[in-house]
Amino acid sequence: MGAASCAQERQDQAIAAYERALALDARAAHVHYNLGLIYVERNDLLRASAHFHRALETDPNDRDARNWLEKIGKARDPMREHRGSR
């Protein structure tokens, strides 16, 4: 089994575990944050954004989740940074 395949399998297992954790506590900010990181790694920015937003709903002071949302926003709209510098 290749390294990429092993990594994907570990991510699948982590996602399943995090989803079980969310079934017990849907407002667990750290769980949403960690799911966001997995989806960033998978380049699924829509799902990543959703989980970072949920993390911020529970913990508005989560700077890491906020930073990731900014990075994702820039990745989805590379001209945003250029327009903002005017």
N, C-alpha and C. Protein backbone atom coordinates (compact mmCIF):
# COMPACT_ATOMS: atom_id res chain seq x y z
N MET A 1 0.85 -1.17 0.00
CA MET A 1 0.00 0.00 0.00
C MET A 1 0.90 1.23 0.00
N GLY A 2 0.61 2.20 -0.84
CA GLY A 2 1.41 3.40 -0.94
C GLY A 2 1.19 4.34 0.22
N ALA A 3 2.16 5.24 0.40
CA ALA A 3 2.08 6.20 1.50
C ALA A 3 0.83 7.08 1.40
N ALA A 4 0.49 7.51 0.19
CA ALA A 4 -0.69 8.35 0.02
C ALA A 4 -1.96 7.60 0.40
N SER A 5 -2.01 6.34 0.03
CA SER A 5 -3.17 5.52 0.36
C SER A 5 -3.30 5.33 1.87
N CYS A 6 -2.17 5.13 2.54
CA CYS A 6 -2.17 4.99 4.01
C CYS A 6 -2.63 6.28 4.67
N ALA A 7 -2.14 7.40 4.16
CA ALA A 7 -2.53 8.69 4.73
C ALA A 7 -4.02 8.92 4.56
N GLN A 8 -4.54 8.60 3.39
CA GLN A 8 -5.98 8.76 3.14
C GLN A 8 -6.79 7.87 4.09
N GLU A 9 -6.32 6.64 4.29
CA GLU A 9 -7.03 5.73 5.18
C GLU A 9 -7.03 6.26 6.61
N ARG A 10 -5.89 6.80 7.06
CA ARG A 10 -5.83 7.38 8.41
C ARG A 10 -6.76 8.58 8.52
N GLN A 11 -6.82 9.39 7.47
CA GLN A 11 -7.73 10.53 7.48
C GLN A 11 -9.18 10.06 7.54
N ASP A 12 -9.50 9.04 6.77
CA ASP A 12 -10.87 8.49 6.79
C ASP A 12 -11.23 8.03 8.21
N GLN A 13 -10.29 7.37 8.87
CA GLN A 13 -10.53 6.90 10.23
C GLN A 13 -10.71 8.08 11.19
N ALA A 14 -9.88 9.10 11.02
CA ALA A 14 -9.97 10.29 11.87
C ALA A 14 -11.30 11.00 11.65
N ILE A 15 -11.71 11.13 10.40
CA ILE A 15 -13.00 11.78 10.10
C ILE A 15 -14.13 11.02 10.77
N ALA A 16 -14.10 9.70 10.69
CA ALA A 16 -15.15 8.90 11.31
C ALA A 16 -15.16 9.11 12.83
N ALA A 17 -13.99 9.15 13.44
CA ALA A 17 -13.90 9.35 14.89
C ALA A 17 -14.39 10.75 15.28
N TYR A 18 -14.00 11.76 14.50
CA TYR A 18 -14.45 13.12 14.79
C TYR A 18 -15.96 13.25 14.61
N GLU A 19 -16.51 12.58 13.61
CA GLU A 19 -17.96 12.64 13.40
C GLU A 19 -18.69 11.97 14.56
N ARG A 20 -18.12 10.90 15.11
CA ARG A 20 -18.72 10.27 16.30
C ARG A 20 -18.67 11.24 17.48
N ALA A 21 -17.54 11.95 17.60
CA ALA A 21 -17.42 12.93 18.69
C ALA A 21 -18.45 14.05 18.53
N LEU A 22 -18.68 14.49 17.29
CA LEU A 22 -19.67 15.54 17.06
C LEU A 22 -21.09 15.05 17.34
N ALA A 23 -21.33 13.77 17.17
CA ALA A 23 -22.64 13.21 17.49
C ALA A 23 -22.92 13.34 18.99
N LEU A 24 -21.85 13.32 19.79
CA LEU A 24 -21.98 13.48 21.24
C LEU A 24 -22.02 14.94 21.66
N ASP A 25 -21.27 15.78 20.94
CA ASP A 25 -21.22 17.21 21.26
C ASP A 25 -20.98 18.00 19.97
N ALA A 26 -22.06 18.43 19.36
CA ALA A 26 -21.98 19.11 18.06
C ALA A 26 -21.27 20.46 18.14
N ARG A 27 -21.06 20.97 19.35
CA ARG A 27 -20.43 22.28 19.50
C ARG A 27 -18.96 22.18 19.90
N ALA A 28 -18.35 21.03 19.73
CA ALA A 28 -16.94 20.84 20.11
C ALA A 28 -16.04 21.56 19.10
N ALA A 29 -15.61 22.76 19.47
CA ALA A 29 -14.85 23.61 18.56
C ALA A 29 -13.58 22.93 18.06
N HIS A 30 -12.87 22.26 18.96
CA HIS A 30 -11.60 21.63 18.55
C HIS A 30 -11.83 20.50 17.55
N VAL A 31 -12.97 19.84 17.64
CA VAL A 31 -13.28 18.76 16.69
C VAL A 31 -13.55 19.37 15.31
N HIS A 32 -14.31 20.44 15.28
CA HIS A 32 -14.57 21.12 14.00
C HIS A 32 -13.26 21.64 13.41
N TYR A 33 -12.41 22.20 14.26
CA TYR A 33 -11.12 22.72 13.78
C TYR A 33 -10.29 21.59 13.16
N ASN A 34 -10.20 20.47 13.84
CA ASN A 34 -9.40 19.35 13.33
C ASN A 34 -9.98 18.78 12.04
N LEU A 35 -11.29 18.71 11.94
CA LEU A 35 -11.90 18.29 10.68
C LEU A 35 -11.57 19.29 9.57
N GLY A 36 -11.59 20.57 9.91
CA GLY A 36 -11.21 21.58 8.93
C GLY A 36 -9.80 21.36 8.40
N LEU A 37 -8.88 21.02 9.30
CA LEU A 37 -7.49 20.76 8.87
C LEU A 37 -7.40 19.58 7.91
N ILE A 38 -8.15 18.53 8.21
CA ILE A 38 -8.15 17.36 7.33
C ILE A 38 -8.66 17.74 5.95
N TYR A 39 -9.76 18.50 5.92
CA TYR A 39 -10.33 18.87 4.63
C TYR A 39 -9.44 19.85 3.87
N VAL A 40 -8.69 20.69 4.58
CA VAL A 40 -7.70 21.54 3.90
C VAL A 40 -6.66 20.66 3.22
N GLU A 41 -6.18 19.66 3.95
CA GLU A 41 -5.17 18.76 3.39
C GLU A 41 -5.71 18.03 2.18
N ARG A 42 -6.99 17.75 2.18
CA ARG A 42 -7.62 17.07 1.04
C ARG A 42 -8.03 18.04 -0.07
N ASN A 43 -7.77 19.30 0.16
CA ASN A 43 -8.12 20.37 -0.78
C ASN A 43 -9.64 20.48 -0.99
N ASP A 44 -10.39 20.12 0.04
CA ASP A 44 -11.84 20.28 0.04
C ASP A 44 -12.14 21.53 0.86
N LEU A 45 -11.93 22.69 0.21
CA LEU A 45 -11.98 23.96 0.92
C LEU A 45 -13.38 24.34 1.38
N LEU A 46 -14.39 23.87 0.69
CA LEU A 46 -15.76 24.16 1.09
C LEU A 46 -16.07 23.50 2.44
N ARG A 47 -15.74 22.22 2.55
CA ARG A 47 -15.97 21.53 3.84
C ARG A 47 -15.07 22.09 4.93
N ALA A 48 -13.82 22.38 4.58
CA ALA A 48 -12.90 22.95 5.56
C ALA A 48 -13.47 24.25 6.11
N SER A 49 -13.93 25.13 5.22
CA SER A 49 -14.50 26.41 5.65
C SER A 49 -15.69 26.20 6.57
N ALA A 50 -16.54 25.27 6.23
CA ALA A 50 -17.72 25.01 7.05
C ALA A 50 -17.32 24.62 8.47
N HIS A 51 -16.31 23.77 8.60
CA HIS A 51 -15.88 23.34 9.94
C HIS A 51 -15.17 24.47 10.69
N PHE A 52 -14.38 25.27 10.01
CA PHE A 52 -13.74 26.40 10.69
C PHE A 52 -14.79 27.41 11.15
N HIS A 53 -15.84 27.63 10.33
CA HIS A 53 -16.92 28.52 10.75
C HIS A 53 -17.63 27.97 11.98
N ARG A 54 -17.87 26.68 12.00
CA ARG A 54 -18.53 26.08 13.17
C ARG A 54 -17.66 26.19 14.42
N ALA A 55 -16.35 26.05 14.23
CA ALA A 55 -15.43 26.21 15.37
C ALA A 55 -15.53 27.63 15.92
N LEU A 56 -15.63 28.61 15.02
CA LEU A 56 -15.73 30.00 15.46
C LEU A 56 -17.07 30.33 16.09
N GLU A 57 -18.12 29.64 15.67
CA GLU A 57 -19.43 29.86 16.30
C GLU A 57 -19.37 29.51 17.78
N THR A 58 -18.64 28.45 18.09
CA THR A 58 -18.52 28.00 19.47
C THR A 58 -17.46 28.79 20.22
N ASP A 59 -16.36 29.07 19.55
CA ASP A 59 -15.25 29.80 20.17
C ASP A 59 -14.83 30.95 19.26
N PRO A 60 -15.48 32.11 19.41
CA PRO A 60 -15.18 33.25 18.54
C PRO A 60 -13.74 33.75 18.65
N ASN A 61 -13.04 33.34 19.68
CA ASN A 61 -11.65 33.77 19.88
C ASN A 61 -10.63 32.80 19.29
N ASP A 62 -11.09 31.83 18.55
CA ASP A 62 -10.18 30.83 17.95
C ASP A 62 -9.43 31.47 16.78
N ARG A 63 -8.24 31.97 17.09
CA ARG A 63 -7.44 32.66 16.06
C ARG A 63 -7.00 31.72 14.95
N ASP A 64 -6.72 30.48 15.30
CA ASP A 64 -6.27 29.53 14.29
C ASP A 64 -7.36 29.27 13.24
N ALA A 65 -8.58 29.05 13.71
CA ALA A 65 -9.70 28.83 12.77
C ALA A 65 -9.90 30.08 11.91
N ARG A 66 -9.82 31.25 12.53
CA ARG A 66 -9.98 32.50 11.78
C ARG A 66 -8.88 32.65 10.74
N ASN A 67 -7.63 32.32 11.10
CA ASN A 67 -6.51 32.41 10.15
C ASN A 67 -6.71 31.46 8.97
N TRP A 68 -7.18 30.25 9.26
CA TRP A 68 -7.43 29.31 8.17
C TRP A 68 -8.52 29.81 7.24
N LEU A 69 -9.55 30.40 7.79
CA LEU A 69 -10.61 30.95 6.93
C LEU A 69 -10.07 32.05 6.03
N GLU A 70 -9.18 32.87 6.56
CA GLU A 70 -8.57 33.92 5.74
C GLU A 70 -7.72 33.30 4.63
N LYS A 71 -6.93 32.27 4.96
CA LYS A 71 -6.10 31.60 3.95
C LYS A 71 -6.97 30.98 2.86
N ILE A 72 -8.04 30.33 3.29
CA ILE A 72 -8.94 29.69 2.32
C ILE A 72 -9.58 30.75 1.44
N GLY A 73 -9.98 31.86 2.03
CA GLY A 73 -10.58 32.94 1.25
C GLY A 73 -9.62 33.46 0.19
N LYS A 74 -8.36 33.59 0.55
CA LYS A 74 -7.35 34.06 -0.40
C LYS A 74 -7.10 33.01 -1.48
N ALA A 75 -7.11 31.74 -1.10
CA ALA A 75 -6.89 30.66 -2.07
C ALA A 75 -8.04 30.59 -3.06
N ARG A 76 -9.24 30.85 -2.59
CA ARG A 76 -10.41 30.78 -3.46
C ARG A 76 -10.55 32.03 -4.31
N ASP A 77 -9.98 33.14 -3.86
CA ASP A 77 -10.06 34.40 -4.60
C ASP A 77 -8.70 35.09 -4.56
N PRO A 78 -7.75 34.64 -5.40
CA PRO A 78 -6.39 35.19 -5.34
C PRO A 78 -6.32 36.68 -5.60
N MET A 79 -7.32 37.26 -6.24
CA MET A 79 -7.30 38.69 -6.51
C MET A 79 -7.75 39.50 -5.30
N ARG A 80 -8.30 38.84 -4.28
CA ARG A 80 -8.79 39.53 -3.08
C ARG A 80 -7.66 40.33 -2.43
N GLU A 81 -6.50 39.72 -2.29
CA GLU A 81 -5.38 40.39 -1.64
C GLU A 81 -4.95 41.60 -2.47
N HIS A 82 -4.93 41.45 -3.80
CA HIS A 82 -4.54 42.56 -4.66
C HIS A 82 -5.53 43.72 -4.57
N ARG A 83 -6.82 43.38 -4.60
CA ARG A 83 -7.84 44.44 -4.52
C ARG A 83 -7.80 45.13 -3.17
N GLY A 84 -7.50 44.38 -2.12
CA GLY A 84 -7.47 44.96 -0.79
C GLY A 84 -6.31 45.91 -0.56
N SER A 85 -5.29 45.86 -1.41
CA SER A 85 -4.11 46.69 -1.19
C SER A 85 -4.22 48.05 -1.86
N ARG A 86 -5.34 48.33 -2.48
CA ARG A 86 -5.50 49.63 -3.15
C ARG A 86 -5.72 50.74 -2.17
